[in-house]
């Protein structure tokens, strides 16, 4: 399962777009402040560094989008535990 796009929201929800066309809304608040995810405490970091790396939802740690210098979440976890939603960008003209 491969992620192709992400859209972070202020409430620690992320819209995650998968290669099969499904869109899942996944809340990462349960990870914030724990271990490597402690960096997500900074809301600016969470929003501005949210990206796709390694085929999944990730946060670049150095701003260089290095697939080895990031924190990420297993795409299967997001696919299974995320809530399937309509495209939040579909209504934007």
N, C-alpha and C. Protein backbone atom coordinates (compact mmCIF):
# COMPACT_ATOMS: atom_id res chain seq x y z
N UNK A 1 0.85 -1.17 0.00
CA UNK A 1 0.00 0.00 0.00
C UNK A 1 0.90 1.23 0.00
N UNK A 2 0.71 2.10 -0.99
CA UNK A 2 1.59 3.26 -1.12
C UNK A 2 0.82 4.57 -1.00
N UNK A 3 1.38 5.50 -0.24
CA UNK A 3 0.81 6.83 -0.06
C UNK A 3 1.38 7.73 -1.16
N UNK A 4 0.50 8.56 -1.76
CA UNK A 4 0.95 9.44 -2.83
C UNK A 4 0.83 10.92 -2.47
N UNK A 5 0.01 11.25 -1.47
CA UNK A 5 -0.16 12.65 -1.07
C UNK A 5 -0.66 12.69 0.36
N UNK A 6 -0.31 13.76 1.09
CA UNK A 6 -0.81 13.98 2.44
C UNK A 6 -1.22 15.43 2.60
N UNK A 7 -2.18 15.66 3.48
CA UNK A 7 -2.66 17.00 3.77
C UNK A 7 -2.89 17.09 5.28
N UNK A 8 -1.95 17.72 6.02
CA UNK A 8 -2.09 17.81 7.48
C UNK A 8 -3.08 18.91 7.87
N UNK A 9 -3.81 18.67 8.95
CA UNK A 9 -4.72 19.65 9.52
C UNK A 9 -4.22 20.03 10.91
N UNK A 10 -4.66 21.19 11.43
CA UNK A 10 -4.20 21.69 12.72
C UNK A 10 -4.51 20.77 13.91
N UNK A 11 -5.50 19.91 13.77
CA UNK A 11 -5.96 19.08 14.88
C UNK A 11 -5.28 17.71 14.92
N UNK A 12 -4.14 17.60 14.27
CA UNK A 12 -3.37 16.35 14.18
C UNK A 12 -4.07 15.27 13.35
N UNK A 13 -5.06 15.67 12.58
CA UNK A 13 -5.61 14.78 11.56
C UNK A 13 -4.85 15.02 10.27
N UNK A 14 -4.61 13.95 9.54
CA UNK A 14 -3.94 14.05 8.25
C UNK A 14 -4.80 13.31 7.23
N UNK A 15 -5.07 13.97 6.10
CA UNK A 15 -5.72 13.28 4.99
C UNK A 15 -4.62 12.60 4.21
N UNK A 16 -4.75 11.29 4.04
CA UNK A 16 -3.72 10.48 3.41
C UNK A 16 -4.30 9.85 2.15
N UNK A 17 -3.69 10.17 1.02
CA UNK A 17 -4.15 9.70 -0.29
C UNK A 17 -3.32 8.48 -0.69
N UNK A 18 -4.01 7.40 -1.03
CA UNK A 18 -3.33 6.15 -1.40
C UNK A 18 -3.36 5.95 -2.92
N UNK A 19 -2.44 5.16 -3.39
CA UNK A 19 -2.29 4.90 -4.82
C UNK A 19 -3.54 4.24 -5.42
N UNK A 20 -4.32 3.55 -4.60
CA UNK A 20 -5.54 2.90 -5.11
C UNK A 20 -6.73 3.86 -5.20
N UNK A 21 -6.51 5.15 -4.86
CA UNK A 21 -7.56 6.15 -4.95
C UNK A 21 -8.29 6.41 -3.65
N UNK A 22 -8.08 5.56 -2.64
CA UNK A 22 -8.75 5.77 -1.36
C UNK A 22 -8.07 6.91 -0.60
N UNK A 23 -8.88 7.61 0.18
CA UNK A 23 -8.39 8.68 1.03
C UNK A 23 -8.79 8.35 2.45
N UNK A 24 -7.82 8.35 3.33
CA UNK A 24 -8.07 8.04 4.74
C UNK A 24 -7.73 9.26 5.59
N UNK A 25 -8.57 9.51 6.58
CA UNK A 25 -8.25 10.54 7.56
C UNK A 25 -7.68 9.81 8.77
N UNK A 26 -6.46 10.18 9.14
CA UNK A 26 -5.75 9.48 10.21
C UNK A 26 -5.32 10.50 11.25
N UNK A 27 -5.63 10.22 12.50
CA UNK A 27 -5.27 11.12 13.60
C UNK A 27 -3.99 10.62 14.24
N UNK A 28 -2.99 11.49 14.32
CA UNK A 28 -1.69 11.11 14.89
C UNK A 28 -1.49 11.61 16.31
N UNK A 29 -2.53 12.19 16.91
CA UNK A 29 -2.38 12.78 18.25
C UNK A 29 -1.93 11.75 19.30
N UNK A 30 -2.27 10.48 19.10
CA UNK A 30 -1.86 9.45 20.06
C UNK A 30 -0.34 9.21 20.04
N UNK A 31 0.33 9.70 19.01
CA UNK A 31 1.78 9.54 18.89
C UNK A 31 2.56 10.77 19.37
N UNK A 32 1.91 11.91 19.38
CA UNK A 32 2.56 13.18 19.70
C UNK A 32 3.18 13.12 21.09
N UNK A 33 4.45 13.48 21.16
CA UNK A 33 5.15 13.52 22.44
C UNK A 33 5.77 12.19 22.86
N UNK A 34 5.62 11.17 22.04
CA UNK A 34 6.16 9.85 22.39
C UNK A 34 7.37 9.51 21.52
N UNK A 35 8.48 9.24 22.17
CA UNK A 35 9.68 8.80 21.47
C UNK A 35 10.07 9.71 20.32
N UNK A 36 10.30 9.12 19.14
CA UNK A 36 10.70 9.90 17.98
C UNK A 36 9.63 10.89 17.55
N UNK A 37 8.40 10.66 17.95
CA UNK A 37 7.30 11.55 17.57
C UNK A 37 7.19 12.78 18.47
N UNK A 38 8.11 12.94 19.41
CA UNK A 38 8.08 14.11 20.30
C UNK A 38 8.21 15.42 19.51
N UNK A 39 8.86 15.37 18.35
CA UNK A 39 9.00 16.56 17.51
C UNK A 39 7.64 17.09 17.05
N UNK A 40 6.63 16.23 17.01
CA UNK A 40 5.31 16.65 16.55
C UNK A 40 4.60 17.54 17.57
N UNK A 41 5.17 17.68 18.77
CA UNK A 41 4.62 18.61 19.76
C UNK A 41 4.58 20.03 19.19
N UNK A 42 5.55 20.34 18.36
CA UNK A 42 5.63 21.66 17.72
C UNK A 42 4.70 21.64 16.51
N UNK A 43 3.56 22.33 16.63
CA UNK A 43 2.55 22.31 15.58
C UNK A 43 3.10 22.82 14.24
N UNK A 44 3.97 23.82 14.28
CA UNK A 44 4.58 24.31 13.03
C UNK A 44 5.42 23.22 12.38
N UNK A 45 6.20 22.49 13.18
CA UNK A 45 6.99 21.39 12.65
C UNK A 45 6.07 20.33 12.05
N UNK A 46 5.04 19.97 12.77
CA UNK A 46 4.08 18.96 12.33
C UNK A 46 3.50 19.31 10.96
N UNK A 47 3.06 20.55 10.79
CA UNK A 47 2.42 20.96 9.53
C UNK A 47 3.44 21.17 8.42
N UNK A 48 4.51 21.89 8.70
CA UNK A 48 5.46 22.28 7.66
C UNK A 48 6.40 21.18 7.19
N UNK A 49 6.55 20.12 7.97
CA UNK A 49 7.46 19.02 7.60
C UNK A 49 6.72 17.75 7.21
N UNK A 50 5.40 17.80 7.20
CA UNK A 50 4.58 16.66 6.81
C UNK A 50 4.72 16.44 5.30
N UNK A 51 5.01 15.21 4.91
CA UNK A 51 5.28 14.91 3.52
C UNK A 51 5.08 13.42 3.24
N UNK A 52 5.41 13.01 2.05
CA UNK A 52 5.44 11.60 1.68
C UNK A 52 6.89 11.21 1.47
N UNK A 53 7.34 10.25 2.26
CA UNK A 53 8.68 9.66 2.10
C UNK A 53 8.53 8.17 2.34
N UNK A 54 9.32 7.39 1.67
CA UNK A 54 9.27 5.93 1.83
C UNK A 54 7.89 5.36 1.51
N UNK A 55 7.13 6.06 0.66
CA UNK A 55 5.81 5.58 0.27
C UNK A 55 4.76 5.69 1.34
N UNK A 56 4.99 6.58 2.33
CA UNK A 56 4.03 6.72 3.42
C UNK A 56 4.05 8.13 4.00
N UNK A 57 3.15 8.37 4.94
CA UNK A 57 3.10 9.61 5.69
C UNK A 57 4.37 9.74 6.52
N UNK A 58 5.03 10.90 6.38
CA UNK A 58 6.30 11.09 7.07
C UNK A 58 6.50 12.56 7.41
N UNK A 59 7.50 12.81 8.24
CA UNK A 59 7.95 14.16 8.57
C UNK A 59 9.45 14.20 8.35
N UNK A 60 9.89 15.12 7.49
CA UNK A 60 11.32 15.29 7.25
C UNK A 60 11.95 15.95 8.47
N UNK A 61 13.07 15.45 8.91
CA UNK A 61 13.73 15.99 10.10
C UNK A 61 14.72 17.09 9.78
N UNK A 62 15.25 17.08 8.56
CA UNK A 62 16.29 18.04 8.21
C UNK A 62 15.88 19.02 7.12
N UNK A 63 14.64 18.91 6.64
CA UNK A 63 14.16 19.77 5.58
C UNK A 63 14.69 19.41 4.20
N UNK A 64 15.46 18.34 4.12
CA UNK A 64 16.04 17.92 2.84
C UNK A 64 15.29 16.74 2.23
N UNK A 65 14.27 16.29 2.89
CA UNK A 65 13.43 15.18 2.40
C UNK A 65 14.25 13.92 2.14
N UNK A 66 15.18 13.66 3.05
CA UNK A 66 16.01 12.46 3.00
C UNK A 66 15.20 11.30 3.57
N UNK A 67 15.05 10.24 2.78
CA UNK A 67 14.23 9.11 3.22
C UNK A 67 14.79 8.39 4.44
N UNK A 68 16.04 8.67 4.78
CA UNK A 68 16.64 8.07 5.97
C UNK A 68 16.59 8.98 7.19
N UNK A 69 16.31 10.26 6.97
CA UNK A 69 16.30 11.22 8.07
C UNK A 69 14.88 11.78 8.23
N UNK A 70 14.00 10.87 8.60
CA UNK A 70 12.60 11.24 8.76
C UNK A 70 11.96 10.32 9.81
N UNK A 71 10.75 10.70 10.19
CA UNK A 71 9.93 9.79 10.99
C UNK A 71 8.70 9.49 10.15
N UNK A 72 8.28 8.24 10.16
CA UNK A 72 7.14 7.87 9.33
C UNK A 72 6.27 6.84 10.02
N UNK A 73 5.13 6.61 9.41
CA UNK A 73 4.14 5.67 9.96
C UNK A 73 3.86 4.61 8.92
N UNK A 74 3.78 3.38 9.34
CA UNK A 74 3.50 2.26 8.45
C UNK A 74 2.23 2.54 7.65
N UNK A 75 2.30 2.50 6.31
CA UNK A 75 1.11 2.80 5.52
C UNK A 75 -0.03 1.83 5.74
N UNK A 76 0.27 0.59 6.10
CA UNK A 76 -0.80 -0.38 6.35
C UNK A 76 -1.57 -0.02 7.61
N UNK A 77 -0.89 0.53 8.60
CA UNK A 77 -1.56 0.99 9.82
C UNK A 77 -2.54 2.11 9.47
N UNK A 78 -2.09 3.05 8.68
CA UNK A 78 -2.96 4.17 8.28
C UNK A 78 -4.15 3.66 7.48
N UNK A 79 -3.89 2.75 6.57
CA UNK A 79 -4.94 2.21 5.70
C UNK A 79 -6.00 1.46 6.50
N UNK A 80 -5.55 0.69 7.48
CA UNK A 80 -6.47 -0.12 8.28
C UNK A 80 -7.18 0.69 9.36
N UNK A 81 -6.49 1.62 9.99
CA UNK A 81 -7.07 2.33 11.13
C UNK A 81 -7.64 3.71 10.77
N UNK A 82 -7.27 4.22 9.60
CA UNK A 82 -7.79 5.51 9.17
C UNK A 82 -9.25 5.40 8.76
N UNK A 83 -9.92 6.52 8.76
CA UNK A 83 -11.33 6.58 8.38
C UNK A 83 -11.40 6.99 6.91
N UNK A 84 -12.08 6.20 6.10
CA UNK A 84 -12.20 6.54 4.68
C UNK A 84 -13.09 7.76 4.53
N UNK A 85 -12.62 8.73 3.74
CA UNK A 85 -13.34 9.99 3.55
C UNK A 85 -13.35 10.36 2.07
N UNK A 86 -14.22 11.32 1.77
CA UNK A 86 -14.22 11.92 0.43
C UNK A 86 -13.04 12.89 0.35
N UNK A 87 -12.62 13.21 -0.86
CA UNK A 87 -11.49 14.11 -1.05
C UNK A 87 -11.83 15.50 -0.53
N UNK A 88 -11.11 15.98 0.51
CA UNK A 88 -11.40 17.31 1.07
C UNK A 88 -11.06 18.43 0.09
N UNK A 89 -10.29 18.14 -0.94
CA UNK A 89 -9.92 19.15 -1.92
C UNK A 89 -10.87 19.19 -3.11
N UNK A 90 -11.81 18.27 -3.17
CA UNK A 90 -12.72 18.17 -4.32
C UNK A 90 -13.64 19.39 -4.44
N UNK A 91 -13.89 20.08 -3.36
CA UNK A 91 -14.83 21.20 -3.37
C UNK A 91 -14.15 22.54 -3.58
N UNK A 92 -12.83 22.52 -3.74
CA UNK A 92 -12.08 23.76 -3.95
C UNK A 92 -12.07 24.06 -5.44
N UNK A 93 -12.47 25.24 -5.80
CA UNK A 93 -12.53 25.61 -7.22
C UNK A 93 -11.18 26.04 -7.74
